[in-house]
Amino acid sequence: MNSFQAQDLVLPGVLSEWLADDNLWVPSSATVSFKPIILSTSQGYFVNLLRVRQNGVLHRHRHAGPVHALVLRGRWRYLEHDWTAEEGSYIYEPPGDVHTLVVPDDVTEMITWFHNTGGYTYLDAEGKPAGVEDVFTKLEAAERHYAAIGLGKDYVRQFVR
C-alpha cells in the first residue's frame, strides 16, 4: 500500500488578488514571469500563470506532453500556426508540437493559465535542444525567487504535490 496521499489544494483569489501581487510573480526574464499554482513533482506536471509584459517573441520550444491553456488577459499566437489565442480562449497543444509564442505589438500585458504535462525543450535556430523547462526547474526558480524576496524558499512548498 502506498503511504503517500496527495492533499487537496485550494487557492482563493487566483484570478483576482493573485494577479495584483507583483511580488509573487517568479521572473523568467525582465518581461516574462510566472506564478505557480500547482507543481506536481509526483506526477511530472505543473500549472501556472504566465505573464508577458512586453510584445515580442518567446523561445521556440517542443512539448513532451499535452498542454491546456486559457487566456486571461491580452492575446498571443504561435509563428507556426494560423490562429490567435485571445482573452477567454481555450487552447490545447498536442505532445510534440513545436512552436514560438509571439505577443503582438499592441498588447502590453498577456496572462495565460497553462497546464503543462511533462516538460518542454527549448530549441535553437537549427532545431537542436537548447534547454529544458519542467516541474523541477519551475520549483527551483520559485524557491530562489521567494527566498530572495524574504518569503523563504519553502514558501513554494504549498504548491507542491
N, C-alpha and C. Protein backbone atom coordinates (compact mmCIF):
# COMPACT_ATOMS: atom_id res chain seq x y z
N MET A 1 0.84 -1.18 0.00
CA MET A 1 0.00 0.00 0.00
C MET A 1 0.88 1.25 0.00
N ASN A 2 0.50 2.21 -0.79
CA ASN A 2 1.23 3.46 -0.88
C ASN A 2 0.84 4.37 0.28
N SER A 3 1.84 4.83 1.05
CA SER A 3 1.54 5.67 2.20
C SER A 3 1.39 7.14 1.81
N PHE A 4 1.77 7.49 0.58
CA PHE A 4 1.65 8.88 0.13
C PHE A 4 0.23 9.15 -0.34
N GLN A 5 -0.35 10.20 0.17
CA GLN A 5 -1.65 10.64 -0.30
C GLN A 5 -1.58 12.14 -0.52
N ALA A 6 -1.84 12.55 -1.75
CA ALA A 6 -1.80 13.97 -2.07
C ALA A 6 -2.88 14.71 -1.31
N GLN A 7 -2.57 15.91 -0.88
CA GLN A 7 -3.53 16.74 -0.16
C GLN A 7 -4.28 17.62 -1.15
N ASP A 8 -5.51 17.99 -0.76
CA ASP A 8 -6.28 18.95 -1.54
C ASP A 8 -5.49 20.26 -1.61
N LEU A 9 -5.80 21.04 -2.61
CA LEU A 9 -5.19 22.36 -2.74
C LEU A 9 -6.27 23.34 -3.16
N VAL A 10 -6.52 24.34 -2.34
CA VAL A 10 -7.49 25.38 -2.65
C VAL A 10 -6.76 26.71 -2.52
N LEU A 11 -6.78 27.48 -3.61
CA LEU A 11 -6.09 28.77 -3.64
C LEU A 11 -7.10 29.87 -3.95
N PRO A 12 -7.71 30.46 -2.94
CA PRO A 12 -8.69 31.53 -3.17
C PRO A 12 -8.02 32.73 -3.85
N GLY A 13 -8.76 33.41 -4.68
CA GLY A 13 -8.31 34.66 -5.27
C GLY A 13 -7.29 34.54 -6.38
N VAL A 14 -7.13 33.37 -6.98
CA VAL A 14 -6.13 33.19 -8.03
C VAL A 14 -6.35 34.16 -9.19
N LEU A 15 -7.60 34.44 -9.53
CA LEU A 15 -7.89 35.33 -10.65
C LEU A 15 -8.15 36.77 -10.24
N SER A 16 -7.98 37.07 -8.96
CA SER A 16 -8.18 38.46 -8.51
C SER A 16 -6.96 38.93 -7.72
N GLU A 17 -6.90 38.59 -6.42
CA GLU A 17 -5.80 39.07 -5.59
C GLU A 17 -4.43 38.62 -6.11
N TRP A 18 -4.35 37.40 -6.60
CA TRP A 18 -3.07 36.87 -7.09
C TRP A 18 -2.52 37.69 -8.24
N LEU A 19 -3.38 38.11 -9.13
CA LEU A 19 -2.92 38.86 -10.29
C LEU A 19 -2.37 40.22 -9.87
N ALA A 20 -2.84 40.74 -8.76
CA ALA A 20 -2.44 42.08 -8.32
C ALA A 20 -1.12 42.09 -7.55
N ASP A 21 -0.69 40.97 -6.99
CA ASP A 21 0.50 40.94 -6.14
C ASP A 21 1.75 40.65 -6.97
N ASP A 22 2.46 41.70 -7.35
CA ASP A 22 3.64 41.56 -8.22
C ASP A 22 4.76 40.75 -7.57
N ASN A 23 4.89 40.77 -6.25
CA ASN A 23 5.98 40.05 -5.59
C ASN A 23 5.93 38.54 -5.82
N LEU A 24 4.75 37.99 -5.98
CA LEU A 24 4.62 36.54 -6.10
C LEU A 24 4.92 36.01 -7.51
N TRP A 25 5.07 36.91 -8.48
CA TRP A 25 5.43 36.50 -9.83
C TRP A 25 6.91 36.15 -9.86
N VAL A 26 7.23 34.96 -10.33
CA VAL A 26 8.61 34.47 -10.41
C VAL A 26 9.17 34.90 -11.77
N PRO A 27 10.20 35.74 -11.78
CA PRO A 27 10.72 36.23 -13.07
C PRO A 27 11.49 35.16 -13.84
N SER A 28 11.20 35.09 -15.14
CA SER A 28 11.99 34.26 -16.05
C SER A 28 12.94 35.17 -16.83
N SER A 29 12.52 36.41 -17.02
CA SER A 29 13.33 37.45 -17.67
C SER A 29 12.79 38.78 -17.17
N ALA A 30 13.26 39.87 -17.75
CA ALA A 30 12.81 41.20 -17.33
C ALA A 30 11.33 41.43 -17.62
N THR A 31 10.77 40.73 -18.62
CA THR A 31 9.38 40.97 -19.02
C THR A 31 8.51 39.72 -18.97
N VAL A 32 9.06 38.59 -18.59
CA VAL A 32 8.31 37.33 -18.54
C VAL A 32 8.40 36.76 -17.13
N SER A 33 7.25 36.35 -16.58
CA SER A 33 7.23 35.78 -15.24
C SER A 33 6.09 34.77 -15.13
N PHE A 34 6.13 33.98 -14.05
CA PHE A 34 5.06 33.01 -13.82
C PHE A 34 4.71 32.97 -12.34
N LYS A 35 3.49 32.52 -12.06
CA LYS A 35 3.05 32.24 -10.70
C LYS A 35 2.66 30.78 -10.64
N PRO A 36 3.33 30.00 -9.79
CA PRO A 36 2.94 28.59 -9.69
C PRO A 36 1.57 28.44 -9.05
N ILE A 37 0.80 27.50 -9.56
CA ILE A 37 -0.49 27.15 -8.97
C ILE A 37 -0.37 25.76 -8.35
N ILE A 38 0.15 24.82 -9.11
CA ILE A 38 0.48 23.50 -8.57
C ILE A 38 1.71 22.99 -9.29
N LEU A 39 2.62 22.43 -8.51
CA LEU A 39 3.84 21.84 -9.03
C LEU A 39 3.81 20.37 -8.62
N SER A 40 3.37 19.52 -9.52
CA SER A 40 3.21 18.11 -9.19
C SER A 40 4.50 17.35 -9.50
N THR A 41 5.38 17.33 -8.50
CA THR A 41 6.64 16.61 -8.66
C THR A 41 6.40 15.10 -8.67
N SER A 42 5.31 14.66 -8.09
CA SER A 42 5.00 13.23 -8.06
C SER A 42 4.44 12.71 -9.38
N GLN A 43 3.83 13.59 -10.18
CA GLN A 43 3.24 13.17 -11.45
C GLN A 43 3.84 13.89 -12.66
N GLY A 44 4.77 14.82 -12.44
CA GLY A 44 5.51 15.43 -13.53
C GLY A 44 4.75 16.48 -14.34
N TYR A 45 3.85 17.20 -13.71
CA TYR A 45 3.16 18.29 -14.43
C TYR A 45 3.18 19.55 -13.57
N PHE A 46 2.89 20.67 -14.21
CA PHE A 46 2.75 21.91 -13.46
C PHE A 46 1.66 22.76 -14.09
N VAL A 47 1.03 23.55 -13.23
CA VAL A 47 0.02 24.52 -13.64
C VAL A 47 0.52 25.87 -13.14
N ASN A 48 0.54 26.84 -14.04
CA ASN A 48 0.97 28.17 -13.64
C ASN A 48 0.30 29.24 -14.48
N LEU A 49 0.40 30.46 -13.99
CA LEU A 49 0.01 31.62 -14.77
C LEU A 49 1.29 32.16 -15.41
N LEU A 50 1.24 32.42 -16.70
CA LEU A 50 2.37 33.03 -17.41
C LEU A 50 2.00 34.46 -17.74
N ARG A 51 2.90 35.39 -17.40
CA ARG A 51 2.67 36.80 -17.69
C ARG A 51 3.81 37.33 -18.57
N VAL A 52 3.42 38.00 -19.63
CA VAL A 52 4.39 38.66 -20.50
C VAL A 52 4.00 40.13 -20.56
N ARG A 53 4.94 41.00 -20.20
CA ARG A 53 4.65 42.43 -20.13
C ARG A 53 5.36 43.24 -21.19
N GLN A 54 5.48 42.65 -22.36
CA GLN A 54 6.06 43.37 -23.49
C GLN A 54 5.78 42.55 -24.73
N ASN A 55 5.57 43.23 -25.81
CA ASN A 55 5.39 42.50 -27.05
C ASN A 55 6.71 41.82 -27.41
N GLY A 56 6.63 40.82 -28.26
CA GLY A 56 7.85 40.16 -28.72
C GLY A 56 7.70 38.67 -28.81
N VAL A 57 8.82 38.02 -29.02
CA VAL A 57 8.88 36.59 -29.29
C VAL A 57 9.49 35.87 -28.10
N LEU A 58 8.84 34.79 -27.64
CA LEU A 58 9.40 33.93 -26.62
C LEU A 58 10.06 32.74 -27.32
N HIS A 59 10.87 32.02 -26.61
CA HIS A 59 11.65 30.92 -27.18
C HIS A 59 10.81 29.86 -27.89
N ARG A 60 11.33 29.41 -29.01
CA ARG A 60 10.75 28.26 -29.72
C ARG A 60 10.97 27.03 -28.85
N HIS A 61 9.94 26.17 -28.76
CA HIS A 61 10.05 25.00 -27.90
C HIS A 61 9.15 23.86 -28.37
N ARG A 62 9.43 22.67 -27.83
CA ARG A 62 8.66 21.46 -28.15
C ARG A 62 8.20 20.84 -26.83
N HIS A 63 6.93 20.52 -26.76
CA HIS A 63 6.35 19.93 -25.55
C HIS A 63 6.45 18.41 -25.56
N ALA A 64 6.78 17.85 -24.41
CA ALA A 64 6.84 16.39 -24.26
C ALA A 64 5.45 15.80 -24.07
N GLY A 65 4.55 16.56 -23.47
CA GLY A 65 3.20 16.08 -23.19
C GLY A 65 2.18 17.12 -23.60
N PRO A 66 0.90 16.81 -23.42
CA PRO A 66 -0.15 17.77 -23.80
C PRO A 66 -0.15 19.00 -22.90
N VAL A 67 -0.65 20.10 -23.46
CA VAL A 67 -0.75 21.37 -22.74
C VAL A 67 -2.17 21.89 -22.92
N HIS A 68 -2.72 22.41 -21.83
CA HIS A 68 -4.02 23.08 -21.86
C HIS A 68 -3.78 24.52 -21.41
N ALA A 69 -4.46 25.46 -22.05
CA ALA A 69 -4.26 26.87 -21.71
C ALA A 69 -5.57 27.63 -21.79
N LEU A 70 -5.64 28.70 -21.02
CA LEU A 70 -6.79 29.59 -21.02
C LEU A 70 -6.26 31.02 -20.92
N VAL A 71 -6.56 31.84 -21.91
CA VAL A 71 -6.06 33.22 -21.93
C VAL A 71 -6.92 34.08 -21.02
N LEU A 72 -6.29 34.69 -20.03
CA LEU A 72 -7.00 35.53 -19.07
C LEU A 72 -6.93 37.01 -19.43
N ARG A 73 -5.82 37.41 -20.06
CA ARG A 73 -5.63 38.82 -20.40
C ARG A 73 -4.76 38.91 -21.65
N GLY A 74 -5.10 39.81 -22.54
CA GLY A 74 -4.29 40.03 -23.75
C GLY A 74 -4.54 38.97 -24.81
N ARG A 75 -3.55 38.79 -25.66
CA ARG A 75 -3.63 37.76 -26.70
C ARG A 75 -2.23 37.41 -27.18
N TRP A 76 -2.12 36.27 -27.84
CA TRP A 76 -0.84 35.80 -28.37
C TRP A 76 -1.10 34.81 -29.49
N ARG A 77 -0.04 34.46 -30.17
CA ARG A 77 -0.15 33.48 -31.25
C ARG A 77 1.16 32.71 -31.34
N TYR A 78 1.15 31.70 -32.19
CA TYR A 78 2.38 30.96 -32.49
C TYR A 78 2.77 31.23 -33.92
N LEU A 79 4.05 31.45 -34.16
CA LEU A 79 4.53 31.67 -35.52
C LEU A 79 4.16 30.52 -36.44
N GLU A 80 4.13 29.32 -35.90
CA GLU A 80 3.93 28.11 -36.70
C GLU A 80 2.45 27.76 -36.94
N HIS A 81 1.53 28.54 -36.40
CA HIS A 81 0.10 28.26 -36.56
C HIS A 81 -0.63 29.49 -37.09
N ASP A 82 -1.83 29.28 -37.61
CA ASP A 82 -2.58 30.40 -38.20
C ASP A 82 -3.71 30.92 -37.32
N TRP A 83 -3.69 30.61 -36.04
CA TRP A 83 -4.73 31.10 -35.13
C TRP A 83 -4.12 32.05 -34.09
N THR A 84 -4.99 32.83 -33.46
CA THR A 84 -4.61 33.73 -32.38
C THR A 84 -5.40 33.36 -31.13
N ALA A 85 -4.71 33.27 -30.02
CA ALA A 85 -5.34 32.98 -28.73
C ALA A 85 -5.68 34.32 -28.08
N GLU A 86 -6.98 34.61 -27.98
CA GLU A 86 -7.44 35.88 -27.41
C GLU A 86 -8.02 35.66 -26.02
N GLU A 87 -8.23 36.75 -25.30
CA GLU A 87 -8.80 36.67 -23.96
C GLU A 87 -10.06 35.81 -23.97
N GLY A 88 -10.09 34.82 -23.07
CA GLY A 88 -11.22 33.90 -22.99
C GLY A 88 -11.05 32.65 -23.83
N SER A 89 -10.00 32.56 -24.63
CA SER A 89 -9.78 31.39 -25.48
C SER A 89 -9.18 30.22 -24.70
N TYR A 90 -9.62 29.01 -25.06
CA TYR A 90 -9.02 27.76 -24.56
C TYR A 90 -8.14 27.21 -25.67
N ILE A 91 -6.97 26.71 -25.31
CA ILE A 91 -6.03 26.16 -26.28
C ILE A 91 -5.59 24.78 -25.81
N TYR A 92 -5.54 23.83 -26.73
CA TYR A 92 -4.96 22.51 -26.48
C TYR A 92 -3.77 22.36 -27.42
N GLU A 93 -2.64 21.94 -26.86
CA GLU A 93 -1.43 21.70 -27.64
C GLU A 93 -1.05 20.23 -27.49
N PRO A 94 -0.96 19.50 -28.60
CA PRO A 94 -0.64 18.07 -28.51
C PRO A 94 0.84 17.85 -28.19
N PRO A 95 1.16 16.69 -27.62
CA PRO A 95 2.56 16.36 -27.36
C PRO A 95 3.37 16.44 -28.65
N GLY A 96 4.59 16.93 -28.54
CA GLY A 96 5.48 17.01 -29.70
C GLY A 96 5.33 18.26 -30.53
N ASP A 97 4.31 19.08 -30.25
CA ASP A 97 4.11 20.30 -31.03
C ASP A 97 5.29 21.25 -30.81
N VAL A 98 5.76 21.84 -31.89
CA VAL A 98 6.86 22.81 -31.83
C VAL A 98 6.28 24.17 -32.20
N HIS A 99 6.55 25.17 -31.37
CA HIS A 99 6.00 26.49 -31.65
C HIS A 99 6.80 27.59 -30.95
N THR A 100 6.54 28.81 -31.41
CA THR A 100 7.21 30.02 -30.92
C THR A 100 6.12 31.02 -30.55
N LEU A 101 6.01 31.33 -29.28
CA LEU A 101 4.97 32.23 -28.81
C LEU A 101 5.32 33.68 -29.13
N VAL A 102 4.34 34.41 -29.69
CA VAL A 102 4.52 35.81 -30.05
C VAL A 102 3.40 36.63 -29.41
N VAL A 103 3.79 37.68 -28.70
CA VAL A 103 2.84 38.64 -28.16
C VAL A 103 2.85 39.84 -29.12
N PRO A 104 1.69 40.19 -29.70
CA PRO A 104 1.63 41.28 -30.69
C PRO A 104 2.06 42.64 -30.14
N ASP A 105 2.43 43.53 -31.05
CA ASP A 105 2.92 44.86 -30.69
C ASP A 105 1.96 45.67 -29.83
N ASP A 106 0.65 45.53 -30.05
CA ASP A 106 -0.31 46.37 -29.33
C ASP A 106 -0.77 45.77 -27.99
N VAL A 107 -0.16 44.66 -27.56
CA VAL A 107 -0.52 44.04 -26.28
C VAL A 107 0.54 44.40 -25.25
N THR A 108 0.13 45.09 -24.18
CA THR A 108 1.09 45.49 -23.15
C THR A 108 1.23 44.46 -22.04
N GLU A 109 0.23 43.58 -21.89
CA GLU A 109 0.31 42.52 -20.89
C GLU A 109 -0.53 41.33 -21.33
N MET A 110 0.08 40.16 -21.27
CA MET A 110 -0.61 38.91 -21.57
C MET A 110 -0.49 38.02 -20.34
N ILE A 111 -1.60 37.44 -19.90
CA ILE A 111 -1.59 36.46 -18.82
C ILE A 111 -2.39 35.26 -19.29
N THR A 112 -1.77 34.09 -19.20
CA THR A 112 -2.42 32.85 -19.62
C THR A 112 -2.19 31.78 -18.56
N TRP A 113 -3.25 31.04 -18.25
CA TRP A 113 -3.20 29.88 -17.37
C TRP A 113 -2.75 28.69 -18.21
N PHE A 114 -1.66 28.02 -17.82
CA PHE A 114 -1.14 26.86 -18.54
C PHE A 114 -1.08 25.64 -17.63
N HIS A 115 -1.53 24.50 -18.17
CA HIS A 115 -1.34 23.20 -17.54
C HIS A 115 -0.40 22.41 -18.45
N ASN A 116 0.83 22.21 -18.00
CA ASN A 116 1.87 21.53 -18.78
C ASN A 116 2.11 20.14 -18.25
N THR A 117 1.86 19.13 -19.06
CA THR A 117 2.14 17.76 -18.70
C THR A 117 3.54 17.42 -19.20
N GLY A 118 4.41 17.01 -18.30
CA GLY A 118 5.80 16.80 -18.69
C GLY A 118 6.47 18.17 -18.80
N GLY A 119 7.49 18.24 -19.58
CA GLY A 119 8.21 19.50 -19.73
C GLY A 119 8.24 19.91 -21.18
N TYR A 120 9.11 20.87 -21.46
CA TYR A 120 9.33 21.28 -22.84
C TYR A 120 10.80 21.57 -23.03
N THR A 121 11.22 21.42 -24.28
CA THR A 121 12.61 21.62 -24.66
C THR A 121 12.71 22.86 -25.52
N TYR A 122 13.56 23.79 -25.10
CA TYR A 122 13.83 24.96 -25.93
C TYR A 122 14.69 24.54 -27.10
N LEU A 123 14.42 25.13 -28.26
CA LEU A 123 15.14 24.77 -29.49
C LEU A 123 15.87 25.98 -30.05
N ASP A 124 17.07 25.74 -30.56
CA ASP A 124 17.81 26.83 -31.19
C ASP A 124 17.35 27.00 -32.64
N ALA A 125 17.99 27.88 -33.38
CA ALA A 125 17.59 28.19 -34.76
C ALA A 125 17.65 26.97 -35.68
N GLU A 126 18.51 26.01 -35.35
CA GLU A 126 18.63 24.79 -36.16
C GLU A 126 17.72 23.67 -35.67
N GLY A 127 16.93 23.94 -34.62
CA GLY A 127 16.03 22.93 -34.08
C GLY A 127 16.68 21.99 -33.08
N LYS A 128 17.89 22.31 -32.64
CA LYS A 128 18.60 21.48 -31.66
C LYS A 128 18.25 21.92 -30.25
N PRO A 129 18.22 20.97 -29.29
CA PRO A 129 17.89 21.32 -27.91
C PRO A 129 18.83 22.39 -27.35
N ALA A 130 18.22 23.37 -26.67
CA ALA A 130 19.00 24.47 -26.09
C ALA A 130 18.65 24.69 -24.61
N GLY A 131 17.86 23.80 -24.03
CA GLY A 131 17.48 23.92 -22.63
C GLY A 131 16.17 23.21 -22.38
N VAL A 132 15.89 22.97 -21.11
CA VAL A 132 14.68 22.23 -20.73
C VAL A 132 13.98 22.98 -19.60
N GLU A 133 12.67 22.95 -19.63
CA GLU A 133 11.84 23.51 -18.55
C GLU A 133 10.88 22.40 -18.14
N ASP A 134 10.78 22.16 -16.83
CA ASP A 134 9.84 21.16 -16.32
C ASP A 134 9.43 21.54 -14.90
N VAL A 135 8.70 20.66 -14.25
CA VAL A 135 8.21 20.97 -12.91
C VAL A 135 9.37 21.23 -11.95
N PHE A 136 10.49 20.56 -12.14
CA PHE A 136 11.62 20.73 -11.23
C PHE A 136 12.37 22.04 -11.46
N THR A 137 12.49 22.47 -12.70
CA THR A 137 13.13 23.77 -12.95
C THR A 137 12.21 24.90 -12.49
N LYS A 138 10.90 24.72 -12.63
CA LYS A 138 9.95 25.72 -12.12
C LYS A 138 10.05 25.82 -10.59
N LEU A 139 10.13 24.66 -9.93
CA LEU A 139 10.26 24.62 -8.48
C LEU A 139 11.54 25.33 -8.03
N GLU A 140 12.65 25.05 -8.68
CA GLU A 140 13.92 25.69 -8.32
C GLU A 140 13.87 27.20 -8.52
N ALA A 141 13.30 27.65 -9.63
CA ALA A 141 13.19 29.09 -9.89
C ALA A 141 12.33 29.76 -8.82
N ALA A 142 11.22 29.13 -8.45
CA ALA A 142 10.33 29.69 -7.44
C ALA A 142 11.02 29.73 -6.07
N GLU A 143 11.75 28.68 -5.72
CA GLU A 143 12.49 28.66 -4.45
C GLU A 143 13.48 29.83 -4.39
N ARG A 144 14.25 30.03 -5.46
CA ARG A 144 15.22 31.12 -5.49
C ARG A 144 14.53 32.48 -5.35
N HIS A 145 13.44 32.67 -6.09
CA HIS A 145 12.74 33.95 -6.07
C HIS A 145 12.14 34.24 -4.69
N TYR A 146 11.43 33.28 -4.13
CA TYR A 146 10.77 33.52 -2.85
C TYR A 146 11.78 33.70 -1.72
N ALA A 147 12.93 33.03 -1.81
CA ALA A 147 14.00 33.26 -0.83
C ALA A 147 14.54 34.67 -0.98
N ALA A 148 14.74 35.11 -2.23
CA ALA A 148 15.32 36.43 -2.49
C ALA A 148 14.42 37.57 -2.03
N ILE A 149 13.10 37.38 -2.04
CA ILE A 149 12.20 38.46 -1.62
C ILE A 149 11.80 38.36 -0.14
N GLY A 150 12.41 37.41 0.57
CA GLY A 150 12.20 37.32 2.01
C GLY A 150 11.09 36.39 2.47
N LEU A 151 10.43 35.71 1.56
CA LEU A 151 9.38 34.76 1.96
C LEU A 151 9.96 33.41 2.36
N GLY A 152 11.20 33.17 1.97
CA GLY A 152 11.84 31.89 2.24
C GLY A 152 11.59 30.92 1.10
N LYS A 153 12.59 30.06 0.84
CA LYS A 153 12.46 29.14 -0.29
C LYS A 153 11.34 28.14 -0.08
N ASP A 154 10.97 27.87 1.16
CA ASP A 154 9.90 26.90 1.43
C ASP A 154 8.50 27.46 1.15
N TYR A 155 8.38 28.75 0.87
CA TYR A 155 7.09 29.33 0.55
C TYR A 155 6.42 28.55 -0.60
N VAL A 156 7.22 28.12 -1.56
CA VAL A 156 6.70 27.43 -2.73
C VAL A 156 6.17 26.02 -2.39
N ARG A 157 6.54 25.47 -1.26
CA ARG A 157 6.13 24.11 -0.90
C ARG A 157 4.60 23.96 -0.81
N GLN A 158 3.90 25.05 -0.57
CA GLN A 158 2.44 24.97 -0.51
C GLN A 158 1.83 24.55 -1.84
N PHE A 159 2.57 24.72 -2.95
CA PHE A 159 2.08 24.38 -4.27
C PHE A 159 2.52 23.00 -4.75
N VAL A 160 3.39 22.35 -3.99
CA VAL A 160 3.95 21.06 -4.41
C VAL A 160 3.05 19.93 -3.97
N ARG A 161 2.79 19.03 -4.90
CA ARG A 161 2.00 17.82 -4.63
C ARG A 161 2.72 16.63 -5.22
